Amino acid sequence: MDAGLPSARGRVTIIFCEWCKCEVHYHVKKKTTIFTFNEREIEVEVKYALCDTCGKEIDVEEFEDEAIDTIERIYRRKWCN
């Protein structure tokens, strides 16, 4: 498999797809979702990846980490003054 196409940050957009059972290229989308954190609902826009081969959503740890950081930041700003 080739090295892939660089993402906006210059990284290759290849990851293992649990549905295809192989390494695939993916593209990034955004969606708004509501998380419950410490009994508070927090609306956050998060990134997610879709497999270019099968079209299903795949996990990208970096996106999950960004979402958690954003949720914690919003929570602290709104309820920890």
N, C-alpha and C. Protein backbone atom coordinates (compact mmCIF):
# COMPACT_ATOMS: atom_id res chain seq x y z
N MET A 1 0.84 -1.18 0.00
CA MET A 1 0.00 0.00 0.00
C MET A 1 0.89 1.24 0.00
N ASP A 2 0.47 2.28 -0.73
CA ASP A 2 1.28 3.49 -0.79
C ASP A 2 1.20 4.25 0.53
N ALA A 3 2.00 5.30 0.65
CA ALA A 3 2.10 6.05 1.91
C ALA A 3 0.86 6.86 2.22
N GLY A 4 -0.02 7.06 1.27
CA GLY A 4 -1.25 7.79 1.55
C GLY A 4 -1.13 9.27 1.27
N LEU A 5 -2.24 9.94 1.45
CA LEU A 5 -2.30 11.37 1.21
C LEU A 5 -2.15 12.12 2.52
N PRO A 6 -1.41 13.22 2.53
CA PRO A 6 -1.26 13.96 3.78
C PRO A 6 -2.55 14.66 4.17
N SER A 7 -2.82 14.70 5.46
CA SER A 7 -3.98 15.43 5.97
C SER A 7 -3.62 16.89 6.09
N ALA A 8 -4.54 17.68 6.65
CA ALA A 8 -4.31 19.12 6.81
C ALA A 8 -3.09 19.39 7.67
N ARG A 9 -2.77 18.48 8.59
CA ARG A 9 -1.61 18.67 9.45
C ARG A 9 -0.37 17.98 8.88
N GLY A 10 -0.45 17.49 7.67
CA GLY A 10 0.70 16.87 7.04
C GLY A 10 0.87 15.40 7.36
N ARG A 11 -0.06 14.82 8.08
CA ARG A 11 0.04 13.40 8.42
C ARG A 11 -0.71 12.55 7.40
N VAL A 12 -0.32 11.33 7.28
CA VAL A 12 -0.94 10.41 6.35
C VAL A 12 -2.29 9.97 6.90
N THR A 13 -3.29 9.93 6.02
CA THR A 13 -4.64 9.57 6.44
C THR A 13 -4.92 8.10 6.16
N ILE A 14 -4.13 7.23 6.79
CA ILE A 14 -4.34 5.78 6.69
C ILE A 14 -4.49 5.25 8.10
N ILE A 15 -5.46 4.36 8.26
CA ILE A 15 -5.71 3.77 9.58
C ILE A 15 -6.35 2.39 9.36
N PHE A 16 -6.28 1.55 10.36
CA PHE A 16 -6.89 0.23 10.27
C PHE A 16 -8.40 0.37 10.41
N CYS A 17 -9.14 -0.19 9.48
CA CYS A 17 -10.60 -0.20 9.52
C CYS A 17 -11.06 -1.54 10.08
N GLU A 18 -11.78 -1.49 11.19
CA GLU A 18 -12.25 -2.72 11.82
C GLU A 18 -13.30 -3.43 10.97
N TRP A 19 -13.92 -2.71 10.04
CA TRP A 19 -14.94 -3.31 9.17
C TRP A 19 -14.29 -3.99 7.96
N CYS A 20 -13.31 -3.32 7.34
CA CYS A 20 -12.62 -3.87 6.16
C CYS A 20 -11.52 -4.86 6.54
N LYS A 21 -11.05 -4.78 7.78
CA LYS A 21 -9.97 -5.63 8.29
C LYS A 21 -8.65 -5.38 7.56
N CYS A 22 -8.41 -4.10 7.20
CA CYS A 22 -7.14 -3.74 6.57
C CYS A 22 -6.92 -2.23 6.75
N GLU A 23 -5.73 -1.79 6.38
CA GLU A 23 -5.44 -0.37 6.45
C GLU A 23 -6.10 0.34 5.27
N VAL A 24 -6.71 1.47 5.55
CA VAL A 24 -7.48 2.20 4.53
C VAL A 24 -7.22 3.70 4.65
N HIS A 25 -7.52 4.40 3.59
CA HIS A 25 -7.56 5.85 3.64
C HIS A 25 -8.90 6.25 4.25
N TYR A 26 -8.93 7.42 4.86
CA TYR A 26 -10.20 7.90 5.41
C TYR A 26 -10.32 9.39 5.18
N HIS A 27 -11.55 9.89 5.31
CA HIS A 27 -11.76 11.33 5.24
C HIS A 27 -12.43 11.79 6.52
N VAL A 28 -12.25 13.04 6.83
CA VAL A 28 -12.69 13.60 8.11
C VAL A 28 -13.96 14.42 7.92
N LYS A 29 -14.90 14.22 8.81
CA LYS A 29 -16.15 14.98 8.84
C LYS A 29 -16.30 15.57 10.23
N LYS A 30 -17.27 16.45 10.39
CA LYS A 30 -17.59 17.00 11.70
C LYS A 30 -19.08 16.81 11.96
N LYS A 31 -19.41 16.63 13.25
CA LYS A 31 -20.81 16.54 13.64
C LYS A 31 -20.96 17.13 15.03
N THR A 32 -22.16 17.58 15.33
CA THR A 32 -22.47 18.10 16.65
C THR A 32 -23.15 16.99 17.44
N THR A 33 -22.66 16.78 18.64
CA THR A 33 -23.22 15.73 19.49
C THR A 33 -23.28 16.23 20.93
N ILE A 34 -24.11 15.59 21.73
CA ILE A 34 -24.27 15.97 23.13
C ILE A 34 -23.68 14.87 24.01
N PHE A 35 -22.78 15.29 24.91
CA PHE A 35 -22.17 14.38 25.87
C PHE A 35 -22.67 14.74 27.26
N THR A 36 -22.76 13.75 28.12
CA THR A 36 -23.07 14.00 29.53
C THR A 36 -21.77 13.86 30.30
N PHE A 37 -21.41 14.93 31.02
CA PHE A 37 -20.16 14.97 31.78
C PHE A 37 -20.49 15.55 33.15
N ASN A 38 -20.24 14.78 34.19
CA ASN A 38 -20.58 15.19 35.56
C ASN A 38 -22.03 15.66 35.66
N GLU A 39 -22.92 14.89 35.09
CA GLU A 39 -24.36 15.12 35.12
C GLU A 39 -24.79 16.39 34.39
N ARG A 40 -23.95 16.92 33.53
CA ARG A 40 -24.27 18.10 32.71
C ARG A 40 -24.21 17.70 31.25
N GLU A 41 -25.16 18.20 30.46
CA GLU A 41 -25.13 17.95 29.03
C GLU A 41 -24.32 19.05 28.35
N ILE A 42 -23.38 18.62 27.52
CA ILE A 42 -22.49 19.54 26.83
C ILE A 42 -22.54 19.24 25.34
N GLU A 43 -22.91 20.25 24.56
CA GLU A 43 -22.97 20.10 23.10
C GLU A 43 -21.61 20.47 22.52
N VAL A 44 -21.07 19.57 21.70
CA VAL A 44 -19.72 19.75 21.16
C VAL A 44 -19.70 19.35 19.69
N GLU A 45 -18.96 20.13 18.89
CA GLU A 45 -18.69 19.73 17.51
C GLU A 45 -17.43 18.88 17.53
N VAL A 46 -17.54 17.66 17.02
CA VAL A 46 -16.41 16.73 17.05
C VAL A 46 -16.07 16.27 15.63
N LYS A 47 -14.81 15.89 15.45
CA LYS A 47 -14.36 15.30 14.19
C LYS A 47 -14.57 13.79 14.27
N TYR A 48 -14.85 13.20 13.11
CA TYR A 48 -14.90 11.74 13.02
C TYR A 48 -14.40 11.33 11.64
N ALA A 49 -14.03 10.07 11.53
CA ALA A 49 -13.44 9.58 10.28
C ALA A 49 -14.38 8.57 9.62
N LEU A 50 -14.44 8.65 8.30
CA LEU A 50 -15.19 7.68 7.51
C LEU A 50 -14.22 6.96 6.59
N CYS A 51 -14.30 5.64 6.59
CA CYS A 51 -13.46 4.81 5.73
C CYS A 51 -13.78 5.10 4.27
N ASP A 52 -12.74 5.33 3.47
CA ASP A 52 -12.95 5.57 2.04
C ASP A 52 -13.33 4.30 1.29
N THR A 53 -13.12 3.14 1.89
CA THR A 53 -13.43 1.88 1.22
C THR A 53 -14.87 1.45 1.48
N CYS A 54 -15.26 1.37 2.77
CA CYS A 54 -16.60 0.87 3.10
C CYS A 54 -17.58 1.96 3.52
N GLY A 55 -17.07 3.16 3.85
CA GLY A 55 -17.93 4.26 4.22
C GLY A 55 -18.38 4.29 5.66
N LYS A 56 -17.93 3.32 6.47
CA LYS A 56 -18.34 3.28 7.87
C LYS A 56 -17.43 4.13 8.73
N GLU A 57 -17.97 4.55 9.89
CA GLU A 57 -17.20 5.36 10.82
C GLU A 57 -16.13 4.50 11.48
N ILE A 58 -14.91 5.06 11.56
CA ILE A 58 -13.80 4.36 12.19
C ILE A 58 -13.21 5.23 13.29
N ASP A 59 -12.63 4.58 14.28
CA ASP A 59 -12.08 5.29 15.44
C ASP A 59 -10.70 5.85 15.13
N VAL A 60 -10.54 7.13 15.45
CA VAL A 60 -9.24 7.79 15.38
C VAL A 60 -8.98 8.35 16.77
N GLU A 61 -7.99 7.81 17.44
CA GLU A 61 -7.72 8.17 18.83
C GLU A 61 -7.51 9.68 19.01
N GLU A 62 -6.84 10.29 18.07
CA GLU A 62 -6.58 11.74 18.14
C GLU A 62 -7.90 12.53 18.22
N PHE A 63 -8.90 12.12 17.44
CA PHE A 63 -10.19 12.82 17.45
C PHE A 63 -10.90 12.62 18.78
N GLU A 64 -10.81 11.42 19.33
CA GLU A 64 -11.42 11.15 20.64
C GLU A 64 -10.76 11.99 21.72
N ASP A 65 -9.43 12.09 21.68
CA ASP A 65 -8.70 12.91 22.66
C ASP A 65 -9.09 14.39 22.55
N GLU A 66 -9.22 14.88 21.32
CA GLU A 66 -9.63 16.27 21.11
C GLU A 66 -11.02 16.52 21.68
N ALA A 67 -11.94 15.57 21.47
CA ALA A 67 -13.31 15.71 21.98
C ALA A 67 -13.31 15.78 23.51
N ILE A 68 -12.55 14.91 24.14
CA ILE A 68 -12.48 14.90 25.61
C ILE A 68 -11.92 16.22 26.12
N ASP A 69 -10.85 16.71 25.50
CA ASP A 69 -10.27 18.00 25.90
C ASP A 69 -11.29 19.13 25.76
N THR A 70 -12.03 19.14 24.67
CA THR A 70 -13.03 20.17 24.44
C THR A 70 -14.15 20.11 25.47
N ILE A 71 -14.62 18.90 25.76
CA ILE A 71 -15.68 18.73 26.76
C ILE A 71 -15.22 19.23 28.12
N GLU A 72 -14.03 18.85 28.52
CA GLU A 72 -13.50 19.30 29.82
C GLU A 72 -13.33 20.81 29.87
N ARG A 73 -12.85 21.40 28.78
CA ARG A 73 -12.66 22.85 28.73
C ARG A 73 -14.00 23.59 28.85
N ILE A 74 -15.01 23.12 28.12
CA ILE A 74 -16.33 23.75 28.19
C ILE A 74 -16.92 23.59 29.58
N TYR A 75 -16.77 22.42 30.16
CA TYR A 75 -17.30 22.19 31.50
C TYR A 75 -16.65 23.14 32.51
N ARG A 76 -15.35 23.25 32.48
CA ARG A 76 -14.65 24.15 33.42
C ARG A 76 -15.07 25.60 33.23
N ARG A 77 -15.23 26.01 31.97
CA ARG A 77 -15.59 27.39 31.68
C ARG A 77 -17.01 27.70 32.17
N LYS A 78 -17.93 26.76 32.02
CA LYS A 78 -19.33 27.02 32.36
C LYS A 78 -19.64 26.79 33.84
N TRP A 79 -19.03 25.77 34.45
CA TRP A 79 -19.48 25.38 35.78
C TRP A 79 -18.41 25.41 36.87
N CYS A 80 -17.22 25.83 36.56
CA CYS A 80 -16.15 25.83 37.57
C CYS A 80 -15.59 27.22 37.80
N ASN A 81 -16.44 28.21 37.85
CA ASN A 81 -15.97 29.59 38.05
C ASN A 81 -15.77 29.90 39.50
